[in-house]
Amino acid sequence: MEGGTRVSLTQGRPRAYASFMGLKGILEKMKLVESDEPAPEPSVAAIRAVPSSTAVRKAGVSPTPPPPMKDIIQRVPPARIDEQSLPGTEEVPDFPAIYKASGIKDPAHGFTAYKVLEILSSPDFAALDTKAKAGALSAFLRMNPSGPVPIEDVIQDALARDNALDGFEAFLRQKLEARNADREKENAALQAAIDELARKNKEKMQANLEAMGKEQERFATWQARKRIEENKLFEAVGPFVEKNPVSVGNATHETKNA
């Protein structure tokens, strides 16, 4: 590759080829990498395993470009959540469970967005720039031994999973808001009960204070009348005794005479 350094796929780490049209061979054909060991001859079984639709390719025919992004987006079904498919726990489910509940299935060819990310993250792609990575991966998908993989399938898989995550986020937020509304309603009822109980208790306390005041007032009034009555008794007995035994108020005759 002009102006750049070619990457060795096999130096220091021998590897087996999945087929004669593997990723390494494609990268070598595109002159994006170089190999330091000869590629094995394709076996008859490997050649026969390649579907007829991909065994013969017309020379000079350019690959069909992917459809416009707006068309790809329109093909992605809206997010839906099957709540019955979610684990019956209070914990937030993991992403595979969310995808399953959203009806997301891996494409038949197996090239999900995660699979493509795994390929792009491999050491074979480490030294390639973004454009070279896209070109190499697109070529690999077109020349996939099991049949060409349209890049729009990968984009649709990523968009479907993103929609599922967004849909689950909205679903989770709705559940959270509903639970919070119920809890706030319950808290408001509890606070109302507390306020009502406090009001009744305050009324009871005020009634008790008023009753105590009235009783104290009656008691003080009676004490005053008692002293008047005791003075009468004291005066009646006084001429006949040296020490008056009649008490007046809380004082005995000794206290009064002292």
Foldseek 3Di string as FASTA:
>chain_A
DPPDDAAEPPVPNHDAAPFPLGLVVLCVVVVRHDYPDDHDDGDPVRLVLFDPVQNDDDPPDDDDDDDDPVVLLVPQDAWDFQVVQADPDPDDDDLVSLCVRRVQDADPVRDELVNLVVVCPDPNNPRPDPVSSVVSVQVSQCNPRHHHDDVSSRVSRVSNSVSSVVVVVVVVVVVVVVVVVVVVVVVVVVVVVVVVVVVVVVVVVVVVVVVVVVVVVVVVVVLVVQLVVLVVVQVVCVVPDPQRQGAGRPGGSVVVVD
